[in-house]
C-alpha cells in the first residue's frame, strides 16, 4: 500500500523552530521544498498543508499546528476528508531512544511516551500507521526530557540529524510508490565501506 499522507510532527511558532521536538517539521519542510510545493495554513485541517501530484495519485504533506500533544486532531481531520487509510499515513517524529544520525522506518507499535503519537493513535483508533523515527539522543535523565526536546541540538548533533533526514528523503519516493519493504531495507542497510583505491601502476 502506497503512502498518501506524510505528517511532520512539531510545535508551531518561531520559538520552536530549532527544537529537537521539531525534526518532523524539518523533514517535511525539506520535502515540500524539493517538490516545489508550498505548505499553506488550512484551518479545516488545523495545520499547514501541501498537495503534490504523483503518478499514483495525490500525496499530501501536513504539519499540524495544534501543538504536539493534540496532533491527532489535524491528522484525523485530513485523513477522514480524503479517505486516507491509516496504513497510507507516514508520521515523521523525533526519537529519544536513537542517537542523533539514526533513522528507522516501521509500521505500528505504541506511543513509547511520545505525546504526539499517543494522540494520533487515539484519534485514528489504530496503531497501524507508519512512522519515520529520527534520532535526537537522550539527555540521560528522565526528569529533564521535557526541557531537552524543547531545546536546540548542538551543532554536531544537528549535522547528524540533517544527514539522517537526507537519507530518509532519499527513500521516500519508494514509500510513496508503494514499495515500503524496499524503502525500509534501503534505509536500514549499513553503508558499504569505500573500496581502497588501487595504487597507480608503475611505468
N, C-alpha and C. Protein backbone atom coordinates (compact mmCIF):
# COMPACT_ATOMS: atom_id res chain seq x y z
N UNK A 1 0.84 -1.19 0.00
CA UNK A 1 0.00 0.00 0.00
C UNK A 1 0.88 1.25 0.00
N UNK A 2 0.56 2.18 -0.86
CA UNK A 2 1.38 3.38 -1.02
C UNK A 2 1.09 4.41 0.08
N UNK A 3 2.08 5.21 0.38
CA UNK A 3 1.90 6.33 1.33
C UNK A 3 1.24 7.49 0.60
N UNK A 4 0.13 8.00 1.17
CA UNK A 4 -0.61 9.12 0.56
C UNK A 4 -0.55 10.38 1.42
N UNK A 5 -0.13 10.23 2.68
CA UNK A 5 -0.06 11.38 3.58
C UNK A 5 1.21 11.28 4.42
N UNK A 6 2.03 12.31 4.38
CA UNK A 6 3.24 12.38 5.21
C UNK A 6 3.06 13.53 6.19
N UNK A 7 3.14 13.20 7.47
CA UNK A 7 2.91 14.16 8.55
C UNK A 7 4.22 14.42 9.28
N UNK A 8 4.59 15.67 9.44
CA UNK A 8 5.77 16.02 10.23
C UNK A 8 5.31 16.58 11.57
N UNK A 9 5.75 15.96 12.66
CA UNK A 9 5.33 16.43 13.98
C UNK A 9 6.26 17.52 14.51
N UNK A 10 5.66 18.45 15.24
CA UNK A 10 6.43 19.54 15.83
C UNK A 10 5.49 20.51 16.52
N UNK A 11 6.03 21.60 16.98
CA UNK A 11 5.24 22.67 17.59
C UNK A 11 5.34 23.91 16.73
N UNK A 12 4.23 24.65 16.57
CA UNK A 12 4.27 25.86 15.74
C UNK A 12 4.92 27.03 16.47
N UNK A 13 5.30 28.03 15.69
CA UNK A 13 5.85 29.25 16.28
C UNK A 13 7.36 29.33 16.13
N UNK A 14 7.84 30.56 15.95
CA UNK A 14 9.28 30.77 15.72
C UNK A 14 10.12 30.31 16.90
N UNK A 15 9.55 30.36 18.11
CA UNK A 15 10.33 29.97 19.29
C UNK A 15 10.63 28.48 19.32
N UNK A 16 9.92 27.70 18.49
CA UNK A 16 10.14 26.24 18.49
C UNK A 16 10.86 25.73 17.23
N UNK A 17 11.18 26.64 16.31
CA UNK A 17 11.72 26.23 15.01
C UNK A 17 12.96 25.34 15.12
N UNK A 18 13.81 25.61 16.11
CA UNK A 18 15.07 24.87 16.22
C UNK A 18 15.03 23.76 17.27
N UNK A 19 13.87 23.51 17.87
CA UNK A 19 13.75 22.48 18.90
C UNK A 19 13.97 21.07 18.33
N UNK A 20 14.58 20.21 19.13
CA UNK A 20 14.72 18.80 18.74
C UNK A 20 13.36 18.17 18.43
N UNK A 21 12.32 18.59 19.17
CA UNK A 21 10.98 18.04 19.01
C UNK A 21 10.41 18.32 17.62
N UNK A 22 11.04 19.24 16.88
CA UNK A 22 10.50 19.66 15.59
C UNK A 22 11.17 18.98 14.40
N UNK A 23 11.87 17.88 14.61
CA UNK A 23 12.55 17.25 13.47
C UNK A 23 11.57 16.79 12.40
N UNK A 24 10.35 16.43 12.79
CA UNK A 24 9.34 16.06 11.80
C UNK A 24 9.02 17.22 10.88
N UNK A 25 8.89 18.42 11.47
CA UNK A 25 8.70 19.63 10.66
C UNK A 25 9.87 19.80 9.69
N UNK A 26 11.10 19.63 10.21
CA UNK A 26 12.29 19.88 9.38
C UNK A 26 12.26 19.01 8.13
N UNK A 27 11.94 17.72 8.30
CA UNK A 27 11.94 16.82 7.15
C UNK A 27 10.85 17.20 6.15
N UNK A 28 9.63 17.42 6.62
CA UNK A 28 8.53 17.69 5.69
C UNK A 28 8.73 19.04 4.99
N UNK A 29 9.30 20.01 5.68
CA UNK A 29 9.59 21.29 5.03
C UNK A 29 10.62 21.10 3.92
N UNK A 30 11.63 20.27 4.16
CA UNK A 30 12.63 19.99 3.11
C UNK A 30 12.01 19.22 1.95
N UNK A 31 11.11 18.28 2.27
CA UNK A 31 10.44 17.52 1.21
C UNK A 31 9.56 18.44 0.36
N UNK A 32 8.81 19.32 1.00
CA UNK A 32 7.96 20.26 0.26
C UNK A 32 8.80 21.14 -0.65
N UNK A 33 9.92 21.62 -0.13
CA UNK A 33 10.81 22.46 -0.93
C UNK A 33 11.34 21.69 -2.14
N UNK A 34 11.75 20.44 -1.93
CA UNK A 34 12.28 19.62 -3.03
C UNK A 34 11.22 19.35 -4.08
N UNK A 35 9.96 19.28 -3.66
CA UNK A 35 8.85 19.00 -4.59
C UNK A 35 8.29 20.29 -5.21
N UNK A 36 8.80 21.45 -4.76
CA UNK A 36 8.27 22.71 -5.26
C UNK A 36 6.86 22.99 -4.79
N UNK A 37 6.53 22.45 -3.62
CA UNK A 37 5.17 22.60 -3.08
C UNK A 37 5.18 23.57 -1.91
N UNK A 38 4.17 24.43 -1.83
CA UNK A 38 4.07 25.41 -0.74
C UNK A 38 3.15 24.87 0.35
N UNK A 39 3.65 24.87 1.59
CA UNK A 39 2.83 24.47 2.75
C UNK A 39 2.03 25.69 3.19
N UNK A 40 0.71 25.59 3.06
CA UNK A 40 -0.16 26.73 3.37
C UNK A 40 -1.09 26.39 4.53
N UNK A 41 -1.33 27.39 5.40
CA UNK A 41 -2.21 27.18 6.54
C UNK A 41 -3.62 26.87 6.06
N UNK A 42 -4.23 25.84 6.64
CA UNK A 42 -5.60 25.45 6.32
C UNK A 42 -6.32 25.14 7.62
N UNK A 43 -7.23 26.04 8.01
CA UNK A 43 -7.92 25.88 9.30
C UNK A 43 -8.74 24.61 9.37
N UNK A 44 -9.21 24.12 8.21
CA UNK A 44 -10.04 22.92 8.20
C UNK A 44 -9.26 21.71 8.73
N UNK A 45 -7.94 21.72 8.46
CA UNK A 45 -7.11 20.58 8.87
C UNK A 45 -6.17 20.93 10.02
N UNK A 46 -6.34 22.10 10.62
CA UNK A 46 -5.55 22.50 11.79
C UNK A 46 -4.05 22.38 11.53
N UNK A 47 -3.61 22.82 10.36
CA UNK A 47 -2.19 22.69 10.05
C UNK A 47 -1.82 23.38 8.75
N UNK A 48 -0.55 23.21 8.38
CA UNK A 48 -0.04 23.68 7.10
C UNK A 48 -0.02 22.49 6.15
N UNK A 49 -0.57 22.69 4.97
CA UNK A 49 -0.84 21.58 4.05
C UNK A 49 -0.29 21.88 2.67
N UNK A 50 0.21 20.84 2.01
CA UNK A 50 0.60 20.94 0.60
C UNK A 50 0.14 19.68 -0.12
N UNK A 51 -0.21 19.85 -1.38
CA UNK A 51 -0.59 18.71 -2.22
C UNK A 51 0.43 18.57 -3.33
N UNK A 52 0.92 17.34 -3.51
CA UNK A 52 1.92 17.06 -4.55
C UNK A 52 1.32 16.03 -5.49
N UNK A 53 1.22 16.37 -6.79
CA UNK A 53 0.69 15.42 -7.77
C UNK A 53 1.72 14.34 -8.06
N UNK A 54 1.30 13.08 -7.94
CA UNK A 54 2.16 11.93 -8.21
C UNK A 54 1.46 11.01 -9.20
N UNK A 55 2.22 10.16 -9.93
CA UNK A 55 1.60 9.27 -10.91
C UNK A 55 0.49 8.39 -10.31
N UNK A 56 0.68 7.97 -9.05
CA UNK A 56 -0.32 7.10 -8.42
C UNK A 56 -1.43 7.85 -7.71
N UNK A 57 -1.43 9.17 -7.78
CA UNK A 57 -2.43 9.98 -7.07
C UNK A 57 -1.75 11.03 -6.22
N UNK A 58 -2.56 11.88 -5.62
CA UNK A 58 -2.02 13.00 -4.84
C UNK A 58 -1.32 12.51 -3.57
N UNK A 59 -0.20 13.16 -3.26
CA UNK A 59 0.49 12.98 -1.98
C UNK A 59 0.25 14.25 -1.17
N UNK A 60 -0.21 14.06 0.07
CA UNK A 60 -0.47 15.19 0.96
C UNK A 60 0.65 15.32 1.97
N UNK A 61 1.08 16.54 2.19
CA UNK A 61 2.08 16.84 3.23
C UNK A 61 1.38 17.69 4.29
N UNK A 62 1.61 17.36 5.56
CA UNK A 62 0.90 18.03 6.64
C UNK A 62 1.81 18.33 7.82
N UNK A 63 1.77 19.57 8.29
CA UNK A 63 2.42 19.97 9.53
C UNK A 63 1.34 20.45 10.48
N UNK A 64 0.93 19.62 11.45
CA UNK A 64 -0.09 20.07 12.40
C UNK A 64 0.37 21.32 13.15
N UNK A 65 -0.53 22.27 13.31
CA UNK A 65 -0.20 23.49 14.06
C UNK A 65 -1.02 23.56 15.35
N UNK A 66 -1.38 22.39 15.86
CA UNK A 66 -2.22 22.27 17.06
C UNK A 66 -1.40 22.21 18.34
N UNK A 67 -0.07 22.17 18.22
CA UNK A 67 0.87 21.79 19.27
C UNK A 67 0.91 20.26 19.34
N UNK A 68 2.08 19.77 19.69
CA UNK A 68 2.39 18.35 19.61
C UNK A 68 1.35 17.44 20.25
N UNK A 69 0.91 17.79 21.47
CA UNK A 69 0.08 16.88 22.24
C UNK A 69 -1.29 16.61 21.66
N UNK A 70 -1.73 17.44 20.71
CA UNK A 70 -3.03 17.21 20.07
C UNK A 70 -2.88 17.11 18.55
N UNK A 71 -1.78 16.51 18.10
CA UNK A 71 -1.51 16.35 16.67
C UNK A 71 -2.58 15.52 15.97
N UNK A 72 -3.21 14.61 16.70
CA UNK A 72 -4.20 13.73 16.10
C UNK A 72 -5.41 14.46 15.55
N UNK A 73 -5.72 15.63 16.11
CA UNK A 73 -6.86 16.41 15.61
C UNK A 73 -6.64 16.78 14.15
N UNK A 74 -5.40 17.20 13.84
CA UNK A 74 -5.04 17.60 12.48
C UNK A 74 -4.97 16.39 11.55
N UNK A 75 -4.26 15.35 11.98
CA UNK A 75 -4.09 14.15 11.15
C UNK A 75 -5.44 13.51 10.86
N UNK A 76 -6.27 13.38 11.89
CA UNK A 76 -7.58 12.75 11.72
C UNK A 76 -8.47 13.52 10.77
N UNK A 77 -8.44 14.85 10.86
CA UNK A 77 -9.31 15.68 10.01
C UNK A 77 -8.97 15.50 8.54
N UNK A 78 -7.67 15.55 8.20
CA UNK A 78 -7.28 15.44 6.79
C UNK A 78 -7.49 14.01 6.28
N UNK A 79 -7.12 13.03 7.09
CA UNK A 79 -7.25 11.62 6.67
C UNK A 79 -8.72 11.26 6.42
N UNK A 80 -9.61 11.73 7.28
CA UNK A 80 -11.03 11.42 7.10
C UNK A 80 -11.59 12.09 5.84
N UNK A 81 -11.21 13.35 5.63
CA UNK A 81 -11.77 14.08 4.48
C UNK A 81 -11.35 13.45 3.16
N UNK A 82 -10.09 13.04 3.05
CA UNK A 82 -9.60 12.48 1.79
C UNK A 82 -9.62 10.95 1.76
N UNK A 83 -10.26 10.36 2.80
CA UNK A 83 -10.41 8.90 2.86
C UNK A 83 -9.06 8.19 2.73
N UNK A 84 -8.10 8.65 3.55
CA UNK A 84 -6.76 8.06 3.59
C UNK A 84 -6.70 7.06 4.74
N UNK A 85 -6.39 5.81 4.42
CA UNK A 85 -6.34 4.76 5.44
C UNK A 85 -5.11 4.95 6.34
N UNK A 86 -5.17 4.50 7.60
CA UNK A 86 -4.01 4.61 8.49
C UNK A 86 -2.74 4.00 7.88
N UNK A 87 -2.89 2.90 7.14
CA UNK A 87 -1.73 2.24 6.52
C UNK A 87 -1.11 3.07 5.41
N UNK A 88 -1.79 4.15 5.00
CA UNK A 88 -1.29 5.04 3.95
C UNK A 88 -0.70 6.33 4.53
N UNK A 89 -0.53 6.35 5.86
CA UNK A 89 -0.02 7.55 6.54
C UNK A 89 1.37 7.28 7.09
N UNK A 90 2.29 8.21 6.85
CA UNK A 90 3.64 8.15 7.41
C UNK A 90 3.82 9.36 8.33
N UNK A 91 4.09 9.09 9.61
CA UNK A 91 4.29 10.15 10.60
C UNK A 91 5.78 10.25 10.91
N UNK A 92 6.35 11.43 10.74
CA UNK A 92 7.77 11.67 10.97
C UNK A 92 7.93 12.34 12.33
N UNK A 93 8.75 11.74 13.20
CA UNK A 93 8.87 12.29 14.55
C UNK A 93 10.25 12.06 15.15
N UNK A 94 10.52 12.79 16.22
CA UNK A 94 11.78 12.66 16.94
C UNK A 94 11.76 11.39 17.79
N UNK A 95 12.94 10.78 17.97
CA UNK A 95 13.06 9.53 18.72
C UNK A 95 14.18 9.65 19.75
N UNK A 96 13.79 9.71 21.02
CA UNK A 96 14.77 9.83 22.12
C UNK A 96 15.67 8.61 22.23
N UNK A 97 15.16 7.44 21.86
CA UNK A 97 15.91 6.20 22.06
C UNK A 97 16.97 5.95 21.00
N UNK A 98 17.04 6.80 19.98
CA UNK A 98 18.06 6.67 18.94
C UNK A 98 19.05 7.83 19.07
N UNK A 99 20.33 7.58 18.81
CA UNK A 99 21.29 8.68 18.81
C UNK A 99 21.08 9.58 17.61
N UNK A 100 21.52 10.83 17.69
CA UNK A 100 21.44 11.70 16.52
C UNK A 100 22.13 11.05 15.33
N UNK A 101 21.46 11.08 14.19
CA UNK A 101 22.01 10.46 12.98
C UNK A 101 21.35 9.14 12.65
N UNK A 102 20.68 8.52 13.62
CA UNK A 102 19.97 7.26 13.37
C UNK A 102 18.57 7.58 12.83
N UNK A 103 18.09 6.74 11.94
CA UNK A 103 16.74 6.92 11.39
C UNK A 103 16.20 5.54 11.01
N UNK A 104 14.95 5.27 11.39
CA UNK A 104 14.33 3.97 11.15
C UNK A 104 12.89 4.16 10.69
N UNK A 105 12.45 3.20 9.88
CA UNK A 105 11.08 3.20 9.36
C UNK A 105 10.38 1.97 9.89
N UNK A 106 9.16 2.12 10.39
CA UNK A 106 8.42 0.95 10.85
C UNK A 106 6.92 1.24 10.80
N UNK A 107 6.14 0.15 10.81
CA UNK A 107 4.70 0.28 10.86
C UNK A 107 4.20 -0.19 12.22
N UNK A 108 3.25 0.56 12.79
CA UNK A 108 2.62 0.14 14.03
C UNK A 108 3.49 0.34 15.25
N UNK A 109 3.00 -0.19 16.38
CA UNK A 109 3.71 -0.03 17.65
C UNK A 109 3.03 1.02 18.52
N UNK A 110 3.43 1.07 19.77
CA UNK A 110 2.83 2.01 20.71
C UNK A 110 3.41 3.40 20.59
N UNK A 111 3.03 4.26 21.53
CA UNK A 111 3.49 5.65 21.51
C UNK A 111 4.85 5.82 22.17
N UNK A 112 5.24 4.88 23.04
CA UNK A 112 6.54 4.93 23.74
C UNK A 112 6.78 6.28 24.41
N UNK A 113 5.73 6.82 25.01
CA UNK A 113 5.88 8.08 25.73
C UNK A 113 5.82 9.33 24.87
N UNK A 114 5.65 9.17 23.56
CA UNK A 114 5.60 10.33 22.66
C UNK A 114 4.16 10.82 22.59
N UNK A 115 3.91 12.02 23.11
CA UNK A 115 2.54 12.51 23.20
C UNK A 115 1.88 12.77 21.85
N UNK A 116 2.68 13.15 20.86
CA UNK A 116 2.13 13.35 19.52
C UNK A 116 1.61 12.04 18.95
N UNK A 117 2.41 10.98 19.06
CA UNK A 117 1.98 9.67 18.58
C UNK A 117 0.76 9.18 19.36
N UNK A 118 0.78 9.39 20.67
CA UNK A 118 -0.34 8.93 21.50
C UNK A 118 -1.66 9.54 21.03
N UNK A 119 -1.65 10.83 20.71
CA UNK A 119 -2.88 11.48 20.28
C UNK A 119 -3.31 11.01 18.90
N UNK A 120 -2.35 10.76 18.02
CA UNK A 120 -2.70 10.25 16.68
C UNK A 120 -3.32 8.87 16.79
N UNK A 121 -2.73 8.01 17.62
CA UNK A 121 -3.30 6.66 17.83
C UNK A 121 -4.73 6.77 18.34
N UNK A 122 -4.93 7.68 19.28
CA UNK A 122 -6.27 7.85 19.86
C UNK A 122 -7.27 8.35 18.83
N UNK A 123 -6.88 9.34 18.03
CA UNK A 123 -7.82 9.94 17.07
C UNK A 123 -8.08 9.01 15.87
N UNK A 124 -7.07 8.24 15.45
CA UNK A 124 -7.27 7.31 14.33
C UNK A 124 -7.89 6.00 14.79
N UNK A 125 -7.77 5.70 16.08
CA UNK A 125 -8.31 4.46 16.61
C UNK A 125 -7.49 3.24 16.26
N UNK A 126 -6.23 3.45 15.88
CA UNK A 126 -5.36 2.34 15.49
C UNK A 126 -3.90 2.76 15.59
N UNK A 127 -3.02 1.75 15.69
CA UNK A 127 -1.57 2.00 15.67
C UNK A 127 -0.97 1.66 14.30
N UNK A 128 -1.81 1.38 13.31
CA UNK A 128 -1.35 0.78 12.05
C UNK A 128 -0.63 1.73 11.10
N UNK A 129 -0.54 3.02 11.44
CA UNK A 129 0.15 3.94 10.54
C UNK A 129 1.67 3.72 10.61
N UNK A 130 2.37 4.23 9.60
CA UNK A 130 3.82 4.10 9.52
C UNK A 130 4.49 5.24 10.29
N UNK A 131 5.69 4.96 10.79
CA UNK A 131 6.45 6.00 11.50
C UNK A 131 7.87 6.07 10.94
N UNK A 132 8.35 7.27 10.76
CA UNK A 132 9.75 7.52 10.41
C UNK A 132 10.37 8.16 11.64
N UNK A 133 11.25 7.42 12.31
CA UNK A 133 11.77 7.81 13.62
C UNK A 133 13.19 8.36 13.45
N UNK A 134 13.35 9.63 13.79
CA UNK A 134 14.65 10.30 13.61
C UNK A 134 15.28 10.53 14.99
N UNK A 135 16.46 9.96 15.19
CA UNK A 135 17.12 10.02 16.49
C UNK A 135 17.54 11.42 16.88
N UNK A 136 17.26 11.76 18.14
CA UNK A 136 17.73 13.05 18.69
C UNK A 136 18.60 12.82 19.93
N UNK A 137 18.77 11.55 20.35
CA UNK A 137 19.55 11.26 21.56
C UNK A 137 18.72 11.47 22.81
N UNK A 138 19.25 11.00 23.92
CA UNK A 138 18.56 11.10 25.22
C UNK A 138 19.46 11.86 26.19
N UNK A 139 18.89 12.75 27.01
CA UNK A 139 19.73 13.52 27.93
C UNK A 139 20.30 12.69 29.08
N UNK A 140 19.79 11.45 29.26
CA UNK A 140 20.32 10.59 30.32
C UNK A 140 19.57 10.68 31.62
N UNK A 141 18.61 11.60 31.70
CA UNK A 141 17.84 11.79 32.93
C UNK A 141 16.39 12.06 32.52
N UNK A 142 15.48 11.20 32.95
CA UNK A 142 14.08 11.34 32.57
C UNK A 142 13.49 12.68 33.01
N UNK A 143 14.00 13.20 34.09
CA UNK A 143 13.44 14.44 34.64
C UNK A 143 13.72 15.67 33.78
N UNK A 144 14.68 15.57 32.88
CA UNK A 144 15.00 16.75 32.05
C UNK A 144 14.60 16.55 30.58
N UNK A 145 13.88 15.46 30.29
CA UNK A 145 13.50 15.17 28.91
C UNK A 145 12.66 16.30 28.31
N UNK A 146 11.68 16.82 29.06
CA UNK A 146 10.80 17.87 28.53
C UNK A 146 11.61 19.10 28.08
N UNK A 147 12.56 19.52 28.91
CA UNK A 147 13.39 20.67 28.53
C UNK A 147 14.32 20.32 27.37
N UNK A 148 14.79 19.09 27.35
CA UNK A 148 15.73 18.64 26.32
C UNK A 148 15.09 18.69 24.93
N UNK A 149 13.88 18.13 24.80
CA UNK A 149 13.25 18.08 23.47
C UNK A 149 12.83 19.46 22.99
N UNK A 150 12.65 20.39 23.93
CA UNK A 150 12.27 21.76 23.56
C UNK A 150 13.47 22.70 23.51
N UNK A 151 14.65 22.13 23.30
CA UNK A 151 15.86 22.95 23.13
C UNK A 151 16.57 22.52 21.85
N UNK A 152 17.52 23.35 21.43
CA UNK A 152 18.22 23.09 20.16
C UNK A 152 19.32 22.06 20.33
N UNK A 153 19.55 21.21 19.32
CA UNK A 153 20.69 20.30 19.37
C UNK A 153 22.00 21.07 19.21
N UNK A 154 23.08 20.46 19.64
CA UNK A 154 24.39 21.05 19.41
C UNK A 154 24.67 21.08 17.91
N UNK A 155 25.61 21.88 17.45
CA UNK A 155 25.93 21.90 16.01
C UNK A 155 26.27 20.51 15.46
N UNK A 156 27.03 19.72 16.23
CA UNK A 156 27.40 18.38 15.77
C UNK A 156 26.18 17.48 15.66
N UNK A 157 25.29 17.56 16.68
CA UNK A 157 24.07 16.75 16.65
C UNK A 157 23.16 17.19 15.51
N UNK A 158 23.07 18.50 15.28
CA UNK A 158 22.21 19.00 14.19
C UNK A 158 22.74 18.51 12.84
N UNK A 159 24.03 18.48 12.69
CA UNK A 159 24.62 17.97 11.44
C UNK A 159 24.27 16.49 11.24
N UNK A 160 24.34 15.71 12.32
CA UNK A 160 24.00 14.29 12.24
C UNK A 160 22.52 14.09 11.93
N UNK A 161 21.67 14.91 12.55
CA UNK A 161 20.23 14.83 12.30
C UNK A 161 19.91 15.20 10.86
N UNK A 162 20.55 16.25 10.36
CA UNK A 162 20.33 16.66 8.97
C UNK A 162 20.75 15.57 8.00
N UNK A 163 21.83 14.86 8.32
CA UNK A 163 22.28 13.75 7.47
C UNK A 163 21.25 12.62 7.47
N UNK A 164 20.66 12.37 8.65
CA UNK A 164 19.62 11.34 8.75
C UNK A 164 18.39 11.74 7.94
N UNK A 165 18.02 13.01 8.00
CA UNK A 165 16.89 13.50 7.21
C UNK A 165 17.16 13.31 5.72
N UNK A 166 18.37 13.60 5.30
CA UNK A 166 18.74 13.44 3.88
C UNK A 166 18.61 11.98 3.45
N UNK A 167 19.04 11.04 4.31
CA UNK A 167 18.92 9.62 3.99
C UNK A 167 17.45 9.20 3.91
N UNK A 168 16.63 9.74 4.81
CA UNK A 168 15.21 9.43 4.80
C UNK A 168 14.54 9.97 3.53
N UNK A 169 14.88 11.20 3.15
CA UNK A 169 14.29 11.79 1.95
C UNK A 169 14.63 10.97 0.71
N UNK A 170 15.77 10.31 0.74
CA UNK A 170 16.22 9.50 -0.38
C UNK A 170 15.32 8.29 -0.61
N UNK A 171 14.67 7.78 0.45
CA UNK A 171 13.84 6.57 0.29
C UNK A 171 12.34 6.88 0.24
N UNK A 172 11.96 8.12 0.50
CA UNK A 172 10.54 8.45 0.50
C UNK A 172 9.87 8.17 -0.86
N UNK A 173 10.54 8.41 -2.01
CA UNK A 173 9.88 8.06 -3.27
C UNK A 173 9.46 6.59 -3.35
N UNK A 174 10.26 5.69 -2.76
CA UNK A 174 9.88 4.27 -2.74
C UNK A 174 8.61 4.06 -1.93
N UNK A 175 8.53 4.72 -0.76
CA UNK A 175 7.35 4.58 0.10
C UNK A 175 6.10 5.11 -0.60
N UNK A 176 6.25 6.24 -1.28
CA UNK A 176 5.12 6.85 -1.98
C UNK A 176 4.68 5.97 -3.16
N UNK A 177 5.61 5.25 -3.74
CA UNK A 177 5.29 4.35 -4.86
C UNK A 177 4.72 3.02 -4.38
N UNK A 178 4.70 2.80 -3.06
CA UNK A 178 4.14 1.56 -2.53
C UNK A 178 5.15 0.50 -2.16
N UNK A 179 6.44 0.79 -2.36
CA UNK A 179 7.49 -0.19 -2.02
C UNK A 179 8.05 0.12 -0.63
N UNK A 180 7.24 -0.11 0.38
CA UNK A 180 7.68 0.19 1.75
C UNK A 180 8.72 -0.79 2.23
N UNK A 181 8.66 -2.03 1.75
CA UNK A 181 9.69 -3.00 2.11
C UNK A 181 11.04 -2.56 1.54
N UNK A 182 11.03 -2.10 0.29
CA UNK A 182 12.27 -1.62 -0.33
C UNK A 182 12.80 -0.37 0.35
N UNK A 183 11.89 0.54 0.74
CA UNK A 183 12.30 1.77 1.43
C UNK A 183 12.93 1.43 2.78
N UNK A 184 12.31 0.48 3.49
CA UNK A 184 12.83 0.09 4.80
C UNK A 184 14.20 -0.56 4.67
N UNK A 185 14.34 -1.47 3.70
CA UNK A 185 15.61 -2.17 3.51
C UNK A 185 16.72 -1.19 3.16
N UNK A 186 16.42 -0.28 2.27
CA UNK A 186 17.44 0.67 1.82
C UNK A 186 17.85 1.62 2.94
N UNK A 187 16.86 2.06 3.73
CA UNK A 187 17.14 3.00 4.81
C UNK A 187 17.95 2.33 5.92
N UNK A 188 17.64 1.07 6.20
CA UNK A 188 18.28 0.37 7.32
C UNK A 188 19.61 -0.29 6.95
N UNK A 189 19.89 -0.38 5.65
CA UNK A 189 21.14 -1.03 5.22
C UNK A 189 22.34 -0.22 5.67
N UNK A 190 23.35 -0.93 6.13
CA UNK A 190 24.58 -0.23 6.53
C UNK A 190 25.34 0.17 5.28
N UNK A 191 25.84 1.41 5.25
CA UNK A 191 26.59 1.82 4.06
C UNK A 191 27.84 0.97 3.88
N UNK A 192 28.10 0.61 2.64
CA UNK A 192 29.28 -0.21 2.37
C UNK A 192 30.53 0.65 2.49
N UNK A 193 31.58 0.10 3.12
CA UNK A 193 32.82 0.88 3.21
C UNK A 193 33.39 1.14 1.82
N UNK A 194 33.96 2.29 1.65
CA UNK A 194 34.55 2.63 0.36
C UNK A 194 35.72 1.70 0.06
N UNK A 195 35.81 1.29 -1.18
CA UNK A 195 36.93 0.43 -1.58
C UNK A 195 38.20 1.27 -1.65
N UNK A 196 39.29 0.73 -1.12
CA UNK A 196 40.55 1.49 -1.22
C UNK A 196 40.96 1.61 -2.67
N UNK A 197 41.49 2.76 -3.01
CA UNK A 197 41.94 2.97 -4.37
C UNK A 197 43.18 2.13 -4.65
N UNK A 198 43.19 1.57 -5.83
CA UNK A 198 44.37 0.77 -6.23
C UNK A 198 45.52 1.71 -6.52
N UNK A 199 46.70 1.34 -6.07
CA UNK A 199 47.84 2.22 -6.38
C UNK A 199 48.06 2.25 -7.89
N UNK A 200 48.48 3.41 -8.35
CA UNK A 200 48.72 3.54 -9.80
C UNK A 200 49.83 2.58 -10.23
N UNK A 201 49.62 2.01 -11.38
CA UNK A 201 50.63 1.07 -11.91
C UNK A 201 51.92 1.83 -12.23
N UNK A 202 53.02 1.18 -11.99
CA UNK A 202 54.32 1.80 -12.28
C UNK A 202 54.57 1.92 -13.76
N UNK A 203 55.58 2.65 -14.13
CA UNK A 203 55.90 2.82 -15.57
C UNK A 203 56.32 1.50 -16.19
